[in-house]
C-alpha cells in the first residue's frame, strides 16, 4: 500500500509518518509539506491512500483531491483539518475519512481499517519477484478481488462457479479459459491487460 501524507506543517507530516509506519510496517509512506509539489508527486506515484490537509497555502485539499480522483478514481482520500465545518464539502469527493486535528493514533488506525477502496496486501512487485506463469495470473486475480473488497464466496457467486474453482484460479492450479477470463475482468472491473499481466509498450 502506497500512502501519501500532505500537510504544510512539516512536524504534522513527520508525526503521521511515524504513527503510520507503526500501524502499517509494510506500507510505502511518503510525506510532503510543499503544496505546489503535491500533484506532480501524485501523478508519478498514484498513491492508494492520500492523507491531506484541507487548508493549504495557495491550495485547497478538496480541489487537489478532485484532481487526484480524476487520475485514479479508486484513491482513498483521508482529509485532516482543524475546521469541522468542511466535513460536508469533503464528502462530496466520497472521502474515506474526515479527521479533525489534533490527530490521534486511534483515529488514523480506524480510518486505515475502513478504507472506501480496500488495498490488497499483494503488490505488483511481489507478483513479479515471487511468482511466474499461471501462479502470477492467480495472484493478480486475488489482488484485484481484495481491492474490490470481495470475498471468494462473493466472486464465486458472481462468476457462477464454486469457491473451490476461485481458490484454484488464485493458487495457479488452474487458469480460466479466455471467455471466463474476460467475464472475470468485467466482474472485477479490471483492465484485462493488467489482470493478465501484459505490459503496454
N, C-alpha and C. Protein backbone atom coordinates (compact mmCIF):
# COMPACT_ATOMS: atom_id res chain seq x y z
N UNK A 1 0.84 -1.20 0.00
CA UNK A 1 0.00 0.00 0.00
C UNK A 1 0.88 1.25 0.00
N UNK A 2 0.56 2.15 -0.91
CA UNK A 2 1.33 3.40 -1.03
C UNK A 2 0.51 4.54 -0.44
N UNK A 3 1.10 5.22 0.55
CA UNK A 3 0.39 6.27 1.28
C UNK A 3 1.13 7.60 1.13
N UNK A 4 0.37 8.65 0.82
CA UNK A 4 0.91 10.00 0.75
C UNK A 4 0.32 10.83 1.88
N UNK A 5 1.19 11.54 2.59
CA UNK A 5 0.76 12.45 3.65
C UNK A 5 1.13 13.86 3.21
N UNK A 6 0.14 14.74 3.09
CA UNK A 6 0.38 16.10 2.60
C UNK A 6 -0.19 17.13 3.57
N UNK A 7 0.70 17.89 4.17
CA UNK A 7 0.32 18.97 5.09
C UNK A 7 1.44 20.00 5.05
N UNK A 8 1.08 21.29 5.12
CA UNK A 8 2.11 22.32 5.02
C UNK A 8 2.94 22.44 6.29
N UNK A 9 2.52 21.80 7.36
CA UNK A 9 3.31 21.78 8.60
C UNK A 9 4.15 20.50 8.63
N UNK A 10 5.44 20.65 8.52
CA UNK A 10 6.33 19.50 8.42
C UNK A 10 6.25 18.61 9.65
N UNK A 11 6.06 19.19 10.83
CA UNK A 11 6.01 18.38 12.05
C UNK A 11 4.79 17.46 12.05
N UNK A 12 3.68 17.92 11.45
CA UNK A 12 2.49 17.07 11.35
C UNK A 12 2.77 15.91 10.40
N UNK A 13 3.41 16.21 9.28
CA UNK A 13 3.78 15.16 8.31
C UNK A 13 4.67 14.12 8.98
N UNK A 14 5.68 14.58 9.68
CA UNK A 14 6.62 13.65 10.34
C UNK A 14 5.93 12.82 11.41
N UNK A 15 5.03 13.45 12.19
CA UNK A 15 4.31 12.71 13.23
C UNK A 15 3.44 11.62 12.61
N UNK A 16 2.74 11.96 11.52
CA UNK A 16 1.87 10.98 10.86
C UNK A 16 2.69 9.85 10.22
N UNK A 17 3.81 10.20 9.63
CA UNK A 17 4.69 9.17 9.06
C UNK A 17 5.11 8.18 10.13
N UNK A 18 5.47 8.69 11.28
CA UNK A 18 5.91 7.84 12.40
C UNK A 18 4.79 6.91 12.86
N UNK A 19 3.58 7.49 13.04
CA UNK A 19 2.45 6.70 13.53
C UNK A 19 2.02 5.64 12.52
N UNK A 20 1.98 6.03 11.23
CA UNK A 20 1.51 5.10 10.21
C UNK A 20 2.50 3.96 9.99
N UNK A 21 3.77 4.24 10.10
CA UNK A 21 4.77 3.17 9.95
C UNK A 21 4.64 2.15 11.06
N UNK A 22 4.18 2.58 12.23
CA UNK A 22 3.94 1.64 13.33
C UNK A 22 2.68 0.81 13.05
N UNK A 23 1.66 1.47 12.50
CA UNK A 23 0.40 0.78 12.22
C UNK A 23 0.49 -0.13 10.99
N UNK A 24 1.24 0.32 9.97
CA UNK A 24 1.35 -0.42 8.70
C UNK A 24 2.82 -0.54 8.32
N UNK A 25 3.55 -1.45 8.96
CA UNK A 25 5.00 -1.56 8.72
C UNK A 25 5.38 -1.82 7.27
N UNK A 26 4.51 -2.47 6.50
CA UNK A 26 4.85 -2.79 5.11
C UNK A 26 4.44 -1.70 4.12
N UNK A 27 3.74 -0.68 4.62
CA UNK A 27 3.27 0.39 3.72
C UNK A 27 4.43 1.24 3.23
N UNK A 28 4.31 1.73 2.01
CA UNK A 28 5.30 2.63 1.44
C UNK A 28 4.79 4.06 1.65
N UNK A 29 5.35 4.74 2.63
CA UNK A 29 4.83 6.06 3.04
C UNK A 29 5.71 7.20 2.54
N UNK A 30 5.08 8.25 2.05
CA UNK A 30 5.77 9.44 1.57
C UNK A 30 5.11 10.66 2.18
N UNK A 31 5.92 11.60 2.66
CA UNK A 31 5.38 12.83 3.22
C UNK A 31 5.84 14.04 2.43
N UNK A 32 4.96 15.04 2.32
CA UNK A 32 5.30 16.25 1.59
C UNK A 32 4.66 17.46 2.28
N UNK A 33 5.41 18.55 2.38
CA UNK A 33 4.90 19.76 3.03
C UNK A 33 4.88 20.95 2.08
N UNK A 34 5.19 20.71 0.81
CA UNK A 34 5.16 21.78 -0.20
C UNK A 34 3.92 21.57 -1.07
N UNK A 35 2.86 22.37 -0.86
CA UNK A 35 1.62 22.19 -1.62
C UNK A 35 1.80 22.23 -3.14
N UNK A 36 2.76 23.00 -3.61
CA UNK A 36 2.98 23.14 -5.04
C UNK A 36 3.49 21.88 -5.71
N UNK A 37 3.98 20.92 -4.92
CA UNK A 37 4.56 19.70 -5.49
C UNK A 37 3.67 18.47 -5.31
N UNK A 38 2.52 18.66 -4.66
CA UNK A 38 1.66 17.51 -4.34
C UNK A 38 1.18 16.78 -5.59
N UNK A 39 0.64 17.52 -6.56
CA UNK A 39 0.06 16.87 -7.74
C UNK A 39 1.12 16.18 -8.59
N UNK A 40 2.29 16.78 -8.74
CA UNK A 40 3.35 16.15 -9.53
C UNK A 40 3.76 14.84 -8.90
N UNK A 41 3.84 14.83 -7.56
CA UNK A 41 4.20 13.60 -6.85
C UNK A 41 3.12 12.56 -7.02
N UNK A 42 1.86 12.96 -6.92
CA UNK A 42 0.76 12.02 -7.08
C UNK A 42 0.72 11.46 -8.50
N UNK A 43 0.91 12.31 -9.49
CA UNK A 43 0.89 11.86 -10.89
C UNK A 43 1.96 10.81 -11.14
N UNK A 44 3.08 10.94 -10.45
CA UNK A 44 4.17 9.99 -10.64
C UNK A 44 3.94 8.67 -9.89
N UNK A 45 3.37 8.74 -8.69
CA UNK A 45 3.29 7.56 -7.83
C UNK A 45 1.90 6.93 -7.76
N UNK A 46 0.84 7.69 -8.06
CA UNK A 46 -0.54 7.19 -8.00
C UNK A 46 -0.80 6.42 -6.70
N UNK A 47 -0.73 7.12 -5.61
CA UNK A 47 -0.87 6.53 -4.28
C UNK A 47 -2.23 5.87 -4.07
N UNK A 48 -2.27 4.85 -3.20
CA UNK A 48 -3.52 4.17 -2.85
C UNK A 48 -4.31 4.99 -1.83
N UNK A 49 -3.59 5.64 -0.93
CA UNK A 49 -4.20 6.43 0.14
C UNK A 49 -3.53 7.79 0.19
N UNK A 50 -4.33 8.85 0.28
CA UNK A 50 -3.79 10.21 0.41
C UNK A 50 -4.40 10.84 1.65
N UNK A 51 -3.55 11.19 2.59
CA UNK A 51 -3.97 11.88 3.81
C UNK A 51 -3.59 13.34 3.60
N UNK A 52 -4.57 14.21 3.45
CA UNK A 52 -4.29 15.58 3.01
C UNK A 52 -5.03 16.63 3.85
N UNK A 53 -4.31 17.69 4.17
CA UNK A 53 -4.89 18.83 4.88
C UNK A 53 -5.80 19.57 3.90
N UNK A 54 -6.89 20.13 4.39
CA UNK A 54 -7.80 20.87 3.51
C UNK A 54 -7.31 22.29 3.25
N UNK A 55 -6.89 22.96 4.30
CA UNK A 55 -6.42 24.35 4.16
C UNK A 55 -4.91 24.38 3.97
N UNK A 56 -4.49 24.57 2.74
CA UNK A 56 -3.08 24.63 2.40
C UNK A 56 -2.76 26.00 1.81
N UNK A 57 -1.55 26.50 1.99
CA UNK A 57 -1.18 27.78 1.38
C UNK A 57 -1.32 27.72 -0.15
N UNK A 58 -2.09 28.61 -0.72
CA UNK A 58 -2.28 28.72 -2.17
C UNK A 58 -2.85 27.44 -2.79
N UNK A 59 -3.50 26.64 -1.96
CA UNK A 59 -4.11 25.40 -2.47
C UNK A 59 -5.23 24.96 -1.55
N UNK A 60 -6.13 24.15 -2.08
CA UNK A 60 -7.25 23.61 -1.31
C UNK A 60 -7.22 22.10 -1.44
N UNK A 61 -7.17 21.43 -0.30
CA UNK A 61 -7.05 19.97 -0.31
C UNK A 61 -8.18 19.26 -1.02
N UNK A 62 -9.40 19.81 -0.92
CA UNK A 62 -10.54 19.18 -1.58
C UNK A 62 -10.41 19.27 -3.10
N UNK A 63 -9.97 20.44 -3.58
CA UNK A 63 -9.78 20.61 -5.03
C UNK A 63 -8.65 19.71 -5.53
N UNK A 64 -7.59 19.59 -4.74
CA UNK A 64 -6.50 18.69 -5.14
C UNK A 64 -6.99 17.24 -5.18
N UNK A 65 -7.82 16.88 -4.21
CA UNK A 65 -8.36 15.52 -4.17
C UNK A 65 -9.20 15.22 -5.41
N UNK A 66 -9.96 16.20 -5.87
CA UNK A 66 -10.77 16.01 -7.08
C UNK A 66 -9.88 15.71 -8.28
N UNK A 67 -8.74 16.40 -8.36
CA UNK A 67 -7.81 16.16 -9.46
C UNK A 67 -7.20 14.76 -9.36
N UNK A 68 -6.88 14.36 -8.12
CA UNK A 68 -6.32 13.02 -7.91
C UNK A 68 -7.31 11.94 -8.32
N UNK A 69 -8.57 12.13 -7.94
CA UNK A 69 -9.61 11.15 -8.28
C UNK A 69 -9.86 11.10 -9.78
N UNK A 70 -9.59 12.22 -10.46
CA UNK A 70 -9.70 12.22 -11.91
C UNK A 70 -8.63 11.35 -12.55
N UNK A 71 -7.48 11.27 -11.90
CA UNK A 71 -6.38 10.44 -12.41
C UNK A 71 -6.51 8.99 -11.95
N UNK A 72 -6.96 8.80 -10.72
CA UNK A 72 -7.10 7.45 -10.15
C UNK A 72 -8.36 7.43 -9.29
N UNK A 73 -9.50 7.06 -9.88
CA UNK A 73 -10.80 7.14 -9.16
C UNK A 73 -10.87 6.34 -7.87
N UNK A 74 -10.08 5.28 -7.74
CA UNK A 74 -10.14 4.45 -6.54
C UNK A 74 -9.12 4.87 -5.49
N UNK A 75 -8.74 6.15 -5.50
CA UNK A 75 -7.86 6.67 -4.46
C UNK A 75 -8.64 6.86 -3.16
N UNK A 76 -8.07 6.42 -2.06
CA UNK A 76 -8.69 6.64 -0.76
C UNK A 76 -8.23 7.99 -0.22
N UNK A 77 -9.15 8.94 -0.11
CA UNK A 77 -8.82 10.26 0.39
C UNK A 77 -9.20 10.35 1.87
N UNK A 78 -8.24 10.72 2.70
CA UNK A 78 -8.49 10.97 4.12
C UNK A 78 -8.14 12.43 4.40
N UNK A 79 -9.14 13.23 4.71
CA UNK A 79 -8.90 14.64 4.97
C UNK A 79 -8.54 14.86 6.44
N UNK A 80 -7.59 15.77 6.67
CA UNK A 80 -7.27 16.20 8.03
C UNK A 80 -7.40 17.72 8.06
N UNK A 81 -8.00 18.23 9.11
CA UNK A 81 -8.22 19.67 9.18
C UNK A 81 -8.51 20.09 10.61
N UNK A 82 -8.36 21.38 10.86
CA UNK A 82 -8.72 21.92 12.17
C UNK A 82 -10.11 22.50 12.17
N UNK A 83 -10.82 22.38 11.03
CA UNK A 83 -12.12 23.02 10.88
C UNK A 83 -13.19 22.00 10.51
N UNK A 84 -14.04 21.65 11.48
CA UNK A 84 -15.05 20.63 11.28
C UNK A 84 -16.08 21.03 10.23
N UNK A 85 -16.25 22.34 9.97
CA UNK A 85 -17.29 22.79 9.04
C UNK A 85 -17.01 22.37 7.59
N UNK A 86 -15.81 21.85 7.31
CA UNK A 86 -15.50 21.40 5.96
C UNK A 86 -15.98 19.98 5.69
N UNK A 87 -16.54 19.33 6.69
CA UNK A 87 -16.91 17.92 6.56
C UNK A 87 -17.85 17.66 5.39
N UNK A 88 -18.91 18.46 5.26
CA UNK A 88 -19.88 18.23 4.20
C UNK A 88 -19.26 18.35 2.82
N UNK A 89 -18.46 19.39 2.60
CA UNK A 89 -17.81 19.57 1.30
C UNK A 89 -16.86 18.41 1.01
N UNK A 90 -16.18 17.93 2.03
CA UNK A 90 -15.20 16.85 1.82
C UNK A 90 -15.86 15.57 1.34
N UNK A 91 -17.05 15.26 1.84
CA UNK A 91 -17.70 14.01 1.49
C UNK A 91 -18.29 14.03 0.09
N UNK A 92 -18.31 15.19 -0.55
CA UNK A 92 -18.73 15.25 -1.95
C UNK A 92 -17.71 14.56 -2.85
N UNK A 93 -16.51 14.37 -2.34
CA UNK A 93 -15.48 13.65 -3.09
C UNK A 93 -15.40 12.19 -2.62
N UNK A 94 -16.43 11.73 -1.88
CA UNK A 94 -16.50 10.34 -1.42
C UNK A 94 -15.25 9.95 -0.62
N UNK A 95 -14.93 10.79 0.35
CA UNK A 95 -13.74 10.56 1.16
C UNK A 95 -13.86 9.29 2.00
N UNK A 96 -12.72 8.68 2.29
CA UNK A 96 -12.70 7.52 3.18
C UNK A 96 -12.88 7.96 4.63
N UNK A 97 -12.35 9.15 4.96
CA UNK A 97 -12.47 9.64 6.34
C UNK A 97 -12.25 11.15 6.39
N UNK A 98 -12.75 11.76 7.45
CA UNK A 98 -12.58 13.18 7.72
C UNK A 98 -12.13 13.28 9.17
N UNK A 99 -10.88 13.67 9.39
CA UNK A 99 -10.31 13.70 10.74
C UNK A 99 -10.01 15.13 11.15
N UNK A 100 -10.50 15.50 12.33
CA UNK A 100 -10.27 16.85 12.86
C UNK A 100 -9.05 16.84 13.78
N UNK A 101 -8.14 17.76 13.53
CA UNK A 101 -6.93 17.86 14.34
C UNK A 101 -7.29 18.26 15.77
N UNK A 102 -6.49 17.83 16.77
CA UNK A 102 -5.27 17.03 16.65
C UNK A 102 -5.59 15.56 16.32
N UNK A 103 -4.76 14.97 15.48
CA UNK A 103 -4.98 13.60 15.02
C UNK A 103 -4.40 12.60 16.02
N UNK A 104 -5.25 11.71 16.50
CA UNK A 104 -4.82 10.66 17.42
C UNK A 104 -4.51 9.38 16.65
N UNK A 105 -3.66 8.54 17.22
CA UNK A 105 -3.30 7.28 16.58
C UNK A 105 -4.54 6.42 16.31
N UNK A 106 -5.47 6.40 17.26
CA UNK A 106 -6.68 5.59 17.09
C UNK A 106 -7.52 6.06 15.91
N UNK A 107 -7.52 7.37 15.65
CA UNK A 107 -8.27 7.92 14.53
C UNK A 107 -7.69 7.45 13.21
N UNK A 108 -6.37 7.49 13.09
CA UNK A 108 -5.68 7.02 11.87
C UNK A 108 -5.90 5.53 11.68
N UNK A 109 -5.79 4.78 12.76
CA UNK A 109 -5.96 3.32 12.71
C UNK A 109 -7.35 2.97 12.18
N UNK A 110 -8.37 3.62 12.72
CA UNK A 110 -9.74 3.34 12.29
C UNK A 110 -9.95 3.71 10.82
N UNK A 111 -9.37 4.86 10.41
CA UNK A 111 -9.51 5.30 9.02
C UNK A 111 -8.87 4.31 8.06
N UNK A 112 -7.68 3.82 8.39
CA UNK A 112 -6.98 2.89 7.52
C UNK A 112 -7.64 1.51 7.49
N UNK A 113 -8.34 1.16 8.56
CA UNK A 113 -9.03 -0.14 8.61
C UNK A 113 -10.37 -0.11 7.89
N UNK A 114 -10.85 1.09 7.55
CA UNK A 114 -12.16 1.22 6.92
C UNK A 114 -12.09 2.05 5.64
N UNK A 115 -11.11 1.75 4.81
CA UNK A 115 -10.94 2.47 3.56
C UNK A 115 -12.11 2.22 2.62
N UNK A 116 -12.52 3.25 1.91
CA UNK A 116 -13.61 3.10 0.94
C UNK A 116 -13.22 2.07 -0.13
N UNK A 117 -11.97 2.11 -0.56
CA UNK A 117 -11.47 1.18 -1.57
C UNK A 117 -10.35 0.35 -0.95
N UNK A 118 -10.66 -0.88 -0.52
CA UNK A 118 -9.63 -1.72 0.12
C UNK A 118 -8.39 -1.87 -0.76
N UNK A 119 -7.26 -1.96 -0.11
CA UNK A 119 -5.99 -2.10 -0.83
C UNK A 119 -5.41 -3.47 -0.51
N UNK A 120 -5.12 -4.25 -1.54
CA UNK A 120 -4.58 -5.59 -1.34
C UNK A 120 -3.18 -5.53 -0.75
N UNK A 121 -2.87 -6.52 0.06
CA UNK A 121 -1.51 -6.63 0.61
C UNK A 121 -0.55 -7.20 -0.42
N UNK A 122 -1.10 -7.69 -1.54
CA UNK A 122 -0.28 -8.23 -2.62
C UNK A 122 0.11 -7.08 -3.55
N UNK A 123 1.38 -6.84 -3.73
CA UNK A 123 1.82 -5.76 -4.61
C UNK A 123 2.28 -6.31 -5.96
N UNK A 124 2.32 -5.43 -6.96
CA UNK A 124 2.82 -5.85 -8.28
C UNK A 124 4.26 -6.33 -8.18
N UNK A 125 5.04 -5.69 -7.30
CA UNK A 125 6.44 -6.08 -7.13
C UNK A 125 6.55 -7.50 -6.58
N UNK A 126 5.65 -7.84 -5.64
CA UNK A 126 5.65 -9.19 -5.08
C UNK A 126 5.33 -10.22 -6.16
N UNK A 127 4.36 -9.91 -7.00
CA UNK A 127 3.96 -10.83 -8.07
C UNK A 127 5.12 -11.05 -9.03
N UNK A 128 5.78 -9.95 -9.41
CA UNK A 128 6.87 -10.04 -10.38
C UNK A 128 8.07 -10.79 -9.83
N UNK A 129 8.34 -10.61 -8.53
CA UNK A 129 9.55 -11.21 -7.96
C UNK A 129 9.35 -12.64 -7.46
N UNK A 130 8.10 -12.99 -7.08
CA UNK A 130 7.89 -14.28 -6.43
C UNK A 130 7.08 -15.29 -7.24
N UNK A 131 6.39 -14.81 -8.26
CA UNK A 131 5.51 -15.72 -9.00
C UNK A 131 5.78 -15.65 -10.50
N UNK A 132 5.38 -16.70 -11.19
CA UNK A 132 5.54 -16.73 -12.65
C UNK A 132 4.41 -17.54 -13.24
N UNK A 133 4.15 -17.33 -14.54
CA UNK A 133 3.16 -18.12 -15.26
C UNK A 133 1.77 -18.03 -14.67
N UNK A 134 1.12 -19.19 -14.54
CA UNK A 134 -0.25 -19.23 -14.06
C UNK A 134 -0.36 -18.75 -12.61
N UNK A 135 0.69 -18.97 -11.81
CA UNK A 135 0.67 -18.51 -10.42
C UNK A 135 0.59 -16.99 -10.35
N UNK A 136 1.27 -16.31 -11.29
CA UNK A 136 1.24 -14.85 -11.32
C UNK A 136 -0.15 -14.34 -11.68
N UNK A 137 -0.79 -15.01 -12.64
CA UNK A 137 -2.16 -14.63 -13.02
C UNK A 137 -3.09 -14.84 -11.83
N UNK A 138 -2.91 -15.94 -11.12
CA UNK A 138 -3.73 -16.23 -9.94
C UNK A 138 -3.58 -15.16 -8.88
N UNK A 139 -2.35 -14.72 -8.66
CA UNK A 139 -2.11 -13.69 -7.65
C UNK A 139 -2.74 -12.36 -8.07
N UNK A 140 -2.77 -12.09 -9.37
CA UNK A 140 -3.41 -10.86 -9.84
C UNK A 140 -4.93 -10.93 -9.63
N UNK A 141 -5.51 -12.10 -9.86
CA UNK A 141 -6.94 -12.27 -9.60
C UNK A 141 -7.22 -11.99 -8.12
N UNK A 142 -6.39 -12.57 -7.26
CA UNK A 142 -6.54 -12.37 -5.82
C UNK A 142 -6.38 -10.90 -5.45
N UNK A 143 -5.40 -10.24 -6.05
CA UNK A 143 -5.13 -8.82 -5.77
C UNK A 143 -6.33 -7.95 -6.14
N UNK A 144 -6.86 -8.12 -7.34
CA UNK A 144 -8.00 -7.32 -7.78
C UNK A 144 -9.24 -7.63 -6.94
N UNK A 145 -9.42 -8.89 -6.58
CA UNK A 145 -10.58 -9.27 -5.75
C UNK A 145 -10.51 -8.56 -4.39
N UNK A 146 -9.34 -8.60 -3.78
CA UNK A 146 -9.17 -7.97 -2.47
C UNK A 146 -9.37 -6.46 -2.56
N UNK A 147 -8.87 -5.86 -3.64
CA UNK A 147 -9.00 -4.42 -3.79
C UNK A 147 -10.46 -4.00 -4.03
N UNK A 148 -11.28 -4.93 -4.50
CA UNK A 148 -12.71 -4.64 -4.68
C UNK A 148 -13.49 -4.96 -3.41
N UNK A 149 -12.79 -5.40 -2.37
CA UNK A 149 -13.45 -5.74 -1.12
C UNK A 149 -14.37 -6.94 -1.23
N UNK A 150 -14.00 -7.88 -2.11
CA UNK A 150 -14.84 -9.03 -2.42
C UNK A 150 -14.26 -10.30 -1.80
N UNK A 151 -15.10 -11.13 -1.21
CA UNK A 151 -14.64 -12.41 -0.69
C UNK A 151 -14.63 -13.43 -1.83
N UNK A 152 -14.01 -14.56 -1.61
CA UNK A 152 -14.02 -15.62 -2.63
C UNK A 152 -15.44 -16.12 -2.88
N UNK A 153 -16.23 -16.19 -1.81
CA UNK A 153 -17.63 -16.63 -1.96
C UNK A 153 -18.40 -15.66 -2.86
N UNK A 154 -18.20 -14.35 -2.66
CA UNK A 154 -18.91 -13.36 -3.45
C UNK A 154 -18.49 -13.42 -4.92
N UNK A 155 -17.19 -13.59 -5.15
CA UNK A 155 -16.71 -13.69 -6.53
C UNK A 155 -17.24 -14.96 -7.19
N UNK A 156 -17.25 -16.05 -6.44
CA UNK A 156 -17.76 -17.31 -6.98
C UNK A 156 -19.22 -17.18 -7.39
N UNK A 157 -20.01 -16.48 -6.57
CA UNK A 157 -21.43 -16.29 -6.88
C UNK A 157 -21.60 -15.47 -8.15
N UNK A 158 -20.82 -14.39 -8.28
CA UNK A 158 -20.92 -13.53 -9.46
C UNK A 158 -20.45 -14.25 -10.72
N UNK A 159 -19.48 -15.16 -10.57
CA UNK A 159 -18.94 -15.88 -11.71
C UNK A 159 -19.71 -17.18 -11.98
N UNK A 160 -20.63 -17.53 -11.07
CA UNK A 160 -21.42 -18.76 -11.19
C UNK A 160 -20.51 -20.00 -11.22
N UNK A 161 -19.51 -19.98 -10.32
CA UNK A 161 -18.62 -21.13 -10.17
C UNK A 161 -18.53 -21.45 -8.68
N UNK A 162 -17.82 -22.50 -8.33
CA UNK A 162 -17.66 -22.85 -6.92
C UNK A 162 -16.52 -22.05 -6.29
N UNK A 163 -16.55 -21.98 -4.97
CA UNK A 163 -15.46 -21.31 -4.25
C UNK A 163 -14.15 -22.05 -4.49
N UNK A 164 -14.24 -23.37 -4.64
CA UNK A 164 -13.04 -24.17 -4.91
C UNK A 164 -12.40 -23.77 -6.24
N UNK A 165 -13.24 -23.44 -7.22
CA UNK A 165 -12.70 -23.00 -8.51
C UNK A 165 -11.95 -21.69 -8.36
N UNK A 166 -12.52 -20.75 -7.61
CA UNK A 166 -11.84 -19.47 -7.35
C UNK A 166 -10.50 -19.72 -6.66
N UNK A 167 -10.52 -20.62 -5.69
CA UNK A 167 -9.30 -20.95 -4.95
C UNK A 167 -8.24 -21.53 -5.88
N UNK A 168 -8.67 -22.40 -6.81
CA UNK A 168 -7.72 -23.00 -7.75
C UNK A 168 -7.15 -21.94 -8.70
N UNK A 169 -8.00 -21.00 -9.15
CA UNK A 169 -7.51 -19.92 -10.01
C UNK A 169 -6.46 -19.09 -9.29
N UNK A 170 -6.77 -18.72 -8.04
CA UNK A 170 -5.88 -17.83 -7.30
C UNK A 170 -4.57 -18.51 -6.89
N UNK A 171 -4.61 -19.82 -6.73
CA UNK A 171 -3.39 -20.55 -6.37
C UNK A 171 -2.55 -20.90 -7.60
N UNK A 172 -3.15 -20.73 -8.80
CA UNK A 172 -2.43 -21.05 -10.01
C UNK A 172 -2.55 -22.50 -10.43
N UNK A 173 -3.38 -23.27 -9.71
CA UNK A 173 -3.55 -24.68 -10.05
C UNK A 173 -4.37 -24.84 -11.34
N UNK A 174 -5.22 -23.84 -11.60
CA UNK A 174 -5.99 -23.82 -12.84
C UNK A 174 -6.02 -22.39 -13.36
N UNK A 175 -6.27 -22.23 -14.64
CA UNK A 175 -6.37 -20.90 -15.22
C UNK A 175 -7.67 -20.80 -16.02
N UNK A 176 -8.41 -19.70 -15.90
CA UNK A 176 -9.68 -19.58 -16.63
C UNK A 176 -9.46 -19.60 -18.14
N UNK A 177 -10.45 -20.12 -18.89
CA UNK A 177 -10.36 -20.03 -20.34
C UNK A 177 -10.60 -18.57 -20.75
N UNK A 178 -10.43 -18.27 -22.02
CA UNK A 178 -10.46 -16.88 -22.49
C UNK A 178 -11.79 -16.20 -22.19
N UNK A 179 -12.91 -16.89 -22.48
CA UNK A 179 -14.23 -16.29 -22.26
C UNK A 179 -14.46 -16.04 -20.77
N UNK A 180 -14.09 -17.02 -19.94
CA UNK A 180 -14.24 -16.87 -18.49
C UNK A 180 -13.34 -15.76 -17.98
N UNK A 181 -12.15 -15.67 -18.54
CA UNK A 181 -11.19 -14.64 -18.11
C UNK A 181 -11.75 -13.24 -18.39
N UNK A 182 -12.38 -13.06 -19.54
CA UNK A 182 -12.94 -11.75 -19.89
C UNK A 182 -14.11 -11.42 -18.97
N UNK A 183 -14.91 -12.43 -18.61
CA UNK A 183 -16.01 -12.18 -17.67
C UNK A 183 -15.45 -11.82 -16.30
N UNK A 184 -14.36 -12.49 -15.92
CA UNK A 184 -13.70 -12.22 -14.65
C UNK A 184 -13.21 -10.78 -14.60
N UNK A 185 -12.63 -10.31 -15.68
CA UNK A 185 -12.16 -8.93 -15.75
C UNK A 185 -13.33 -7.96 -15.61
N UNK A 186 -14.46 -8.31 -16.22
CA UNK A 186 -15.66 -7.47 -16.13
C UNK A 186 -16.18 -7.42 -14.70
N UNK A 187 -16.28 -8.56 -14.04
CA UNK A 187 -16.78 -8.62 -12.67
C UNK A 187 -15.87 -7.87 -11.71
N UNK A 188 -14.57 -7.96 -11.95
CA UNK A 188 -13.60 -7.29 -11.07
C UNK A 188 -13.33 -5.85 -11.50
N UNK A 189 -14.02 -5.41 -12.56
CA UNK A 189 -13.82 -4.04 -13.09
C UNK A 189 -12.33 -3.78 -13.31
N UNK A 190 -11.68 -4.74 -13.95
CA UNK A 190 -10.24 -4.67 -14.16
C UNK A 190 -9.91 -4.62 -15.65
N UNK A 191 -8.87 -3.90 -15.99
CA UNK A 191 -8.35 -3.91 -17.35
C UNK A 191 -7.81 -5.32 -17.62
N UNK A 192 -8.33 -6.03 -18.64
CA UNK A 192 -7.86 -7.39 -18.92
C UNK A 192 -6.35 -7.49 -19.07
N UNK A 193 -5.73 -6.47 -19.67
CA UNK A 193 -4.27 -6.49 -19.84
C UNK A 193 -3.57 -6.49 -18.49
N UNK A 194 -4.08 -5.67 -17.55
CA UNK A 194 -3.46 -5.61 -16.22
C UNK A 194 -3.72 -6.89 -15.46
N UNK A 195 -4.91 -7.46 -15.60
CA UNK A 195 -5.23 -8.69 -14.92
C UNK A 195 -4.37 -9.84 -15.42
N UNK A 196 -4.15 -9.86 -16.73
CA UNK A 196 -3.32 -10.92 -17.33
C UNK A 196 -1.83 -10.66 -17.11
N UNK A 197 -1.49 -9.39 -16.86
CA UNK A 197 -0.09 -9.07 -16.60
C UNK A 197 0.68 -8.57 -17.82
N UNK A 198 -0.05 -8.24 -18.89
CA UNK A 198 0.64 -7.75 -20.07
C UNK A 198 1.01 -6.29 -19.86
N UNK A 199 2.24 -5.95 -20.22
CA UNK A 199 2.73 -4.59 -20.10
C UNK A 199 2.61 -3.87 -21.42
N UNK A 200 1.97 -2.69 -21.35
CA UNK A 200 1.83 -1.91 -22.57
C UNK A 200 3.15 -1.25 -22.95
N UNK A 201 3.44 -1.27 -24.23
CA UNK A 201 4.69 -0.66 -24.70
C UNK A 201 4.59 0.85 -24.64
